[in-house]
Amino acid sequence: MRTYELMMIVEPELDEEALAAAVERVQQVITTNGGSIVSVEQMGRRKLAYPIQRRREGHYVLMHANLERETISELERHLRLSEDVLRHLLVRLDEVEEAVAEASEEAPVEAPAPETPEES
């Protein structure tokens, strides 16, 4: 099992109960298909960078979970069919950590300070 990060943007019109129910449905899909939830963070209602389905705001939800390959396909299917989820992104965390480590190793070395002309 690998750890994944799921970011969802949920309908802005949902009240707190409906939002909690939408997040609970996603959690149920994960747990019934052999996955486990590590953490869930509701980041609140925020303005979108661009309109999605004529909406300018959305509820952001960040979830970390341990998933198998079969769980991922069922989760992706559920998220695409859900009318409450405007957008989602599922990323494997070890790939992100490797990319960050490679980027920090390839960071440019600081150039030496420019030489000042000698005084005569």
N, C-alpha and C. Protein backbone atom coordinates (compact mmCIF):
# COMPACT_ATOMS: atom_id res chain seq x y z
N MET A 1 0.83 -1.17 0.00
CA MET A 1 0.00 0.00 0.00
C MET A 1 0.88 1.24 0.00
N ARG A 2 0.47 2.21 -0.78
CA ARG A 2 1.21 3.47 -0.86
C ARG A 2 0.35 4.61 -0.34
N THR A 3 1.02 5.66 0.08
CA THR A 3 0.31 6.82 0.61
C THR A 3 0.05 7.82 -0.51
N TYR A 4 -1.19 8.29 -0.59
CA TYR A 4 -1.61 9.23 -1.61
C TYR A 4 -2.20 10.47 -0.94
N GLU A 5 -2.15 11.57 -1.68
CA GLU A 5 -2.76 12.82 -1.25
C GLU A 5 -3.88 13.15 -2.23
N LEU A 6 -5.07 13.37 -1.71
CA LEU A 6 -6.23 13.71 -2.53
C LEU A 6 -6.68 15.12 -2.18
N MET A 7 -6.70 15.98 -3.18
CA MET A 7 -7.23 17.34 -3.01
C MET A 7 -8.52 17.40 -3.81
N MET A 8 -9.60 17.81 -3.13
CA MET A 8 -10.90 17.93 -3.78
C MET A 8 -11.41 19.35 -3.63
N ILE A 9 -12.08 19.84 -4.67
CA ILE A 9 -12.82 21.09 -4.59
C ILE A 9 -14.29 20.71 -4.69
N VAL A 10 -15.04 21.01 -3.64
CA VAL A 10 -16.43 20.59 -3.53
C VAL A 10 -17.33 21.80 -3.72
N GLU A 11 -18.57 21.55 -4.17
CA GLU A 11 -19.57 22.58 -4.41
C GLU A 11 -19.59 23.64 -3.31
N PRO A 12 -19.59 24.92 -3.66
CA PRO A 12 -19.61 25.97 -2.64
C PRO A 12 -20.97 26.14 -1.96
N GLU A 13 -22.05 25.70 -2.61
CA GLU A 13 -23.39 25.89 -2.05
C GLU A 13 -23.73 24.91 -0.94
N LEU A 14 -22.91 23.88 -0.74
CA LEU A 14 -23.21 22.87 0.28
C LEU A 14 -23.07 23.46 1.68
N ASP A 15 -24.02 23.13 2.55
CA ASP A 15 -23.87 23.55 3.95
C ASP A 15 -22.92 22.57 4.64
N GLU A 16 -22.65 22.80 5.92
CA GLU A 16 -21.66 21.99 6.63
C GLU A 16 -22.04 20.51 6.70
N GLU A 17 -23.33 20.22 6.88
CA GLU A 17 -23.77 18.83 6.95
C GLU A 17 -23.59 18.12 5.62
N ALA A 18 -23.97 18.79 4.53
CA ALA A 18 -23.84 18.19 3.20
C ALA A 18 -22.37 18.02 2.82
N LEU A 19 -21.54 18.96 3.22
CA LEU A 19 -20.10 18.86 2.96
C LEU A 19 -19.52 17.67 3.72
N ALA A 20 -19.89 17.53 4.99
CA ALA A 20 -19.42 16.40 5.79
C ALA A 20 -19.90 15.08 5.19
N ALA A 21 -21.11 15.04 4.66
CA ALA A 21 -21.64 13.83 4.03
C ALA A 21 -20.87 13.50 2.76
N ALA A 22 -20.51 14.50 1.96
CA ALA A 22 -19.74 14.27 0.73
C ALA A 22 -18.36 13.72 1.06
N VAL A 23 -17.72 14.28 2.08
CA VAL A 23 -16.39 13.79 2.49
C VAL A 23 -16.52 12.37 3.05
N GLU A 24 -17.58 12.10 3.79
CA GLU A 24 -17.81 10.76 4.36
C GLU A 24 -18.01 9.73 3.26
N ARG A 25 -18.71 10.09 2.18
CA ARG A 25 -18.90 9.16 1.06
C ARG A 25 -17.56 8.80 0.41
N VAL A 26 -16.67 9.77 0.27
CA VAL A 26 -15.35 9.50 -0.30
C VAL A 26 -14.56 8.59 0.64
N GLN A 27 -14.64 8.85 1.93
CA GLN A 27 -13.95 8.00 2.91
C GLN A 27 -14.49 6.57 2.86
N GLN A 28 -15.80 6.40 2.69
CA GLN A 28 -16.38 5.07 2.61
C GLN A 28 -15.90 4.32 1.39
N VAL A 29 -15.78 5.02 0.26
CA VAL A 29 -15.26 4.38 -0.96
C VAL A 29 -13.85 3.86 -0.70
N ILE A 30 -13.05 4.65 -0.03
CA ILE A 30 -11.67 4.25 0.26
C ILE A 30 -11.64 3.04 1.19
N THR A 31 -12.37 3.10 2.30
CA THR A 31 -12.29 2.02 3.29
C THR A 31 -12.95 0.74 2.82
N THR A 32 -14.05 0.82 2.05
CA THR A 32 -14.71 -0.40 1.58
C THR A 32 -13.89 -1.12 0.51
N ASN A 33 -12.97 -0.42 -0.13
CA ASN A 33 -12.14 -1.03 -1.17
C ASN A 33 -10.74 -1.36 -0.69
N GLY A 34 -10.54 -1.44 0.62
CA GLY A 34 -9.26 -1.89 1.16
C GLY A 34 -8.28 -0.80 1.49
N GLY A 35 -8.65 0.44 1.41
CA GLY A 35 -7.74 1.54 1.75
C GLY A 35 -7.94 1.97 3.19
N SER A 36 -7.09 2.87 3.64
CA SER A 36 -7.23 3.41 4.99
C SER A 36 -6.96 4.91 4.95
N ILE A 37 -7.70 5.65 5.76
CA ILE A 37 -7.59 7.10 5.83
C ILE A 37 -6.50 7.45 6.84
N VAL A 38 -5.56 8.29 6.44
CA VAL A 38 -4.52 8.76 7.34
C VAL A 38 -4.96 10.07 7.99
N SER A 39 -5.40 11.04 7.20
CA SER A 39 -5.86 12.31 7.74
C SER A 39 -6.81 13.00 6.77
N VAL A 40 -7.67 13.85 7.32
CA VAL A 40 -8.60 14.65 6.53
C VAL A 40 -8.54 16.07 7.07
N GLU A 41 -8.36 17.03 6.16
CA GLU A 41 -8.31 18.44 6.56
C GLU A 41 -9.25 19.23 5.66
N GLN A 42 -10.26 19.82 6.27
CA GLN A 42 -11.15 20.69 5.51
C GLN A 42 -10.56 22.09 5.57
N MET A 43 -10.15 22.60 4.41
CA MET A 43 -9.43 23.86 4.35
C MET A 43 -10.36 25.06 4.21
N GLY A 44 -11.66 24.81 4.09
CA GLY A 44 -12.62 25.91 4.05
C GLY A 44 -12.99 26.32 2.64
N ARG A 45 -13.83 27.33 2.58
CA ARG A 45 -14.32 27.87 1.31
C ARG A 45 -13.34 28.93 0.83
N ARG A 46 -12.89 28.78 -0.41
CA ARG A 46 -11.90 29.70 -0.98
C ARG A 46 -12.29 30.08 -2.39
N LYS A 47 -11.74 31.18 -2.83
CA LYS A 47 -11.97 31.65 -4.19
C LYS A 47 -11.12 30.81 -5.14
N LEU A 48 -11.70 30.45 -6.28
CA LEU A 48 -11.00 29.66 -7.30
C LEU A 48 -10.15 30.57 -8.18
N ALA A 49 -9.11 30.04 -8.75
CA ALA A 49 -8.25 30.81 -9.64
C ALA A 49 -8.98 31.16 -10.94
N TYR A 50 -9.88 30.29 -11.35
CA TYR A 50 -10.69 30.52 -12.55
C TYR A 50 -12.04 29.84 -12.34
N PRO A 51 -13.08 30.29 -13.02
CA PRO A 51 -14.41 29.68 -12.82
C PRO A 51 -14.43 28.22 -13.27
N ILE A 52 -15.09 27.39 -12.47
CA ILE A 52 -15.31 25.99 -12.81
C ILE A 52 -16.82 25.79 -12.78
N GLN A 53 -17.39 25.41 -13.90
CA GLN A 53 -18.84 25.22 -14.02
C GLN A 53 -19.59 26.46 -13.50
N ARG A 54 -19.12 27.62 -13.87
CA ARG A 54 -19.69 28.93 -13.50
C ARG A 54 -19.64 29.22 -12.00
N ARG A 55 -18.79 28.55 -11.29
CA ARG A 55 -18.64 28.81 -9.86
C ARG A 55 -17.29 29.47 -9.63
N ARG A 56 -17.26 30.42 -8.74
CA ARG A 56 -16.04 31.16 -8.46
C ARG A 56 -15.43 30.81 -7.12
N GLU A 57 -16.12 29.98 -6.32
CA GLU A 57 -15.61 29.54 -5.02
C GLU A 57 -15.84 28.05 -4.89
N GLY A 58 -15.18 27.45 -3.91
CA GLY A 58 -15.36 26.04 -3.63
C GLY A 58 -14.80 25.69 -2.27
N HIS A 59 -15.29 24.59 -1.71
CA HIS A 59 -14.76 24.07 -0.45
C HIS A 59 -13.57 23.17 -0.78
N TYR A 60 -12.42 23.45 -0.19
CA TYR A 60 -11.23 22.65 -0.41
C TYR A 60 -11.11 21.61 0.69
N VAL A 61 -10.84 20.36 0.30
CA VAL A 61 -10.66 19.26 1.25
C VAL A 61 -9.38 18.53 0.86
N LEU A 62 -8.49 18.36 1.83
CA LEU A 62 -7.23 17.66 1.63
C LEU A 62 -7.28 16.37 2.43
N MET A 63 -6.99 15.25 1.77
CA MET A 63 -7.08 13.95 2.42
C MET A 63 -5.82 13.14 2.11
N HIS A 64 -5.27 12.48 3.11
CA HIS A 64 -4.16 11.55 2.93
C HIS A 64 -4.68 10.15 3.22
N ALA A 65 -4.34 9.19 2.35
CA ALA A 65 -4.85 7.83 2.51
C ALA A 65 -3.85 6.83 1.98
N ASN A 66 -3.89 5.62 2.53
CA ASN A 66 -3.12 4.50 2.03
C ASN A 66 -4.02 3.71 1.09
N LEU A 67 -3.60 3.55 -0.17
CA LEU A 67 -4.46 2.96 -1.19
C LEU A 67 -3.74 1.87 -1.98
N GLU A 68 -4.53 0.90 -2.45
CA GLU A 68 -4.08 -0.11 -3.40
C GLU A 68 -4.50 0.33 -4.79
N ARG A 69 -3.99 -0.33 -5.82
CA ARG A 69 -4.30 0.04 -7.20
C ARG A 69 -5.81 -0.07 -7.49
N GLU A 70 -6.46 -1.13 -7.00
CA GLU A 70 -7.89 -1.32 -7.23
C GLU A 70 -8.71 -0.22 -6.56
N THR A 71 -8.26 0.20 -5.40
CA THR A 71 -8.94 1.26 -4.66
C THR A 71 -8.87 2.57 -5.44
N ILE A 72 -7.74 2.82 -6.06
CA ILE A 72 -7.54 4.06 -6.81
C ILE A 72 -8.53 4.15 -7.97
N SER A 73 -8.67 3.07 -8.72
CA SER A 73 -9.58 3.12 -9.87
C SER A 73 -11.02 3.33 -9.42
N GLU A 74 -11.44 2.68 -8.33
CA GLU A 74 -12.80 2.87 -7.84
C GLU A 74 -13.00 4.28 -7.28
N LEU A 75 -11.99 4.82 -6.59
CA LEU A 75 -12.07 6.17 -6.05
C LEU A 75 -12.16 7.20 -7.18
N GLU A 76 -11.33 7.07 -8.20
CA GLU A 76 -11.36 7.98 -9.34
C GLU A 76 -12.73 7.93 -10.03
N ARG A 77 -13.30 6.74 -10.18
CA ARG A 77 -14.62 6.59 -10.79
C ARG A 77 -15.68 7.31 -9.97
N HIS A 78 -15.63 7.12 -8.65
CA HIS A 78 -16.60 7.77 -7.77
C HIS A 78 -16.47 9.30 -7.84
N LEU A 79 -15.25 9.81 -7.85
CA LEU A 79 -15.04 11.26 -7.88
C LEU A 79 -15.52 11.87 -9.20
N ARG A 80 -15.31 11.16 -10.32
CA ARG A 80 -15.78 11.67 -11.61
C ARG A 80 -17.30 11.70 -11.68
N LEU A 81 -17.96 10.72 -11.05
CA LEU A 81 -19.42 10.65 -11.11
C LEU A 81 -20.11 11.53 -10.08
N SER A 82 -19.40 11.92 -9.05
CA SER A 82 -20.01 12.72 -7.99
C SER A 82 -20.33 14.13 -8.50
N GLU A 83 -21.55 14.55 -8.28
CA GLU A 83 -21.96 15.90 -8.69
C GLU A 83 -21.47 16.96 -7.71
N ASP A 84 -21.11 16.56 -6.50
CA ASP A 84 -20.65 17.51 -5.49
C ASP A 84 -19.19 17.91 -5.67
N VAL A 85 -18.39 17.08 -6.34
CA VAL A 85 -16.96 17.34 -6.51
C VAL A 85 -16.74 18.05 -7.84
N LEU A 86 -16.22 19.30 -7.76
CA LEU A 86 -15.95 20.07 -8.98
C LEU A 86 -14.65 19.60 -9.64
N ARG A 87 -13.60 19.46 -8.85
CA ARG A 87 -12.29 19.02 -9.34
C ARG A 87 -11.64 18.16 -8.26
N HIS A 88 -10.74 17.28 -8.70
CA HIS A 88 -9.95 16.51 -7.74
C HIS A 88 -8.58 16.21 -8.35
N LEU A 89 -7.63 15.96 -7.47
CA LEU A 89 -6.28 15.59 -7.89
C LEU A 89 -5.75 14.57 -6.89
N LEU A 90 -5.32 13.42 -7.40
CA LEU A 90 -4.78 12.36 -6.57
C LEU A 90 -3.31 12.17 -6.93
N VAL A 91 -2.42 12.32 -5.94
CA VAL A 91 -0.98 12.27 -6.17
C VAL A 91 -0.35 11.30 -5.20
N ARG A 92 0.57 10.46 -5.70
CA ARG A 92 1.31 9.55 -4.83
C ARG A 92 2.40 10.34 -4.12
N LEU A 93 2.43 10.29 -2.80
CA LEU A 93 3.32 11.15 -2.02
C LEU A 93 4.79 10.82 -2.20
N ASP A 94 5.18 9.55 -2.33
CA ASP A 94 6.60 9.25 -2.47
C ASP A 94 7.16 9.82 -3.76
N GLU A 95 6.35 9.94 -4.82
CA GLU A 95 6.82 10.57 -6.06
C GLU A 95 7.08 12.06 -5.83
N VAL A 96 6.22 12.70 -5.07
CA VAL A 96 6.38 14.12 -4.78
C VAL A 96 7.63 14.34 -3.94
N GLU A 97 7.84 13.50 -2.93
CA GLU A 97 9.01 13.64 -2.07
C GLU A 97 10.30 13.42 -2.84
N GLU A 98 10.29 12.45 -3.79
CA GLU A 98 11.48 12.22 -4.62
C GLU A 98 11.77 13.42 -5.51
N ALA A 99 10.74 14.00 -6.10
CA ALA A 99 10.93 15.16 -6.97
C ALA A 99 11.47 16.35 -6.19
N VAL A 100 10.99 16.54 -4.98
CA VAL A 100 11.49 17.65 -4.14
C VAL A 100 12.94 17.40 -3.77
N ALA A 101 13.29 16.17 -3.44
CA ALA A 101 14.67 15.85 -3.09
C ALA A 101 15.60 16.06 -4.28
N GLU A 102 15.17 15.66 -5.48
CA GLU A 102 15.99 15.86 -6.67
C GLU A 102 16.16 17.34 -6.97
N ALA A 103 15.11 18.11 -6.81
CA ALA A 103 15.19 19.54 -7.08
C ALA A 103 16.13 20.23 -6.10
N SER A 104 16.14 19.80 -4.85
CA SER A 104 17.04 20.43 -3.88
C SER A 104 18.49 20.03 -4.12
N GLU A 105 18.72 18.82 -4.65
CA GLU A 105 20.08 18.40 -4.98
C GLU A 105 20.62 19.16 -6.17
N GLU A 106 19.76 19.51 -7.10
CA GLU A 106 20.17 20.20 -8.32
C GLU A 106 20.10 21.71 -8.18
N ALA A 107 19.94 22.20 -6.98
CA ALA A 107 19.84 23.65 -6.75
C ALA A 107 21.13 24.30 -7.21
N PRO A 108 21.03 25.45 -7.84
CA PRO A 108 22.24 26.12 -8.33
C PRO A 108 23.14 26.57 -7.18
N VAL A 109 24.42 26.48 -7.43
CA VAL A 109 25.40 26.91 -6.44
C VAL A 109 25.55 28.42 -6.57
N GLU A 110 25.68 29.09 -5.44
CA GLU A 110 25.81 30.55 -5.46
C GLU A 110 27.09 30.95 -6.17
N ALA A 111 27.00 31.98 -6.98
CA ALA A 111 28.16 32.49 -7.70
C ALA A 111 29.05 33.27 -6.73
N PRO A 112 30.36 33.26 -6.96
CA PRO A 112 31.23 34.03 -6.07
C PRO A 112 30.95 35.53 -6.20
N ALA A 113 31.26 36.25 -5.16
CA ALA A 113 31.04 37.69 -5.15
C ALA A 113 31.91 38.35 -6.20
N PRO A 114 31.42 39.39 -6.88
CA PRO A 114 32.23 40.04 -7.91
C PRO A 114 33.44 40.72 -7.27
N GLU A 115 34.52 40.69 -8.02
CA GLU A 115 35.75 41.30 -7.53
C GLU A 115 35.65 42.81 -7.63
N THR A 116 36.19 43.47 -6.62
CA THR A 116 36.22 44.93 -6.64
C THR A 116 37.58 45.38 -7.16
N PRO A 117 37.58 46.47 -7.91
CA PRO A 117 38.89 46.94 -8.41
C PRO A 117 39.79 47.40 -7.24
N GLU A 118 41.06 47.12 -7.40
CA GLU A 118 42.01 47.49 -6.34
C GLU A 118 42.24 48.99 -6.36
N GLU A 119 42.39 49.52 -5.17
CA GLU A 119 42.67 50.95 -5.07
C GLU A 119 44.12 51.22 -5.31
N SER A 120 44.47 52.32 -6.01
CA SER A 120 45.85 52.63 -6.30
C SER A 120 46.39 53.70 -5.41
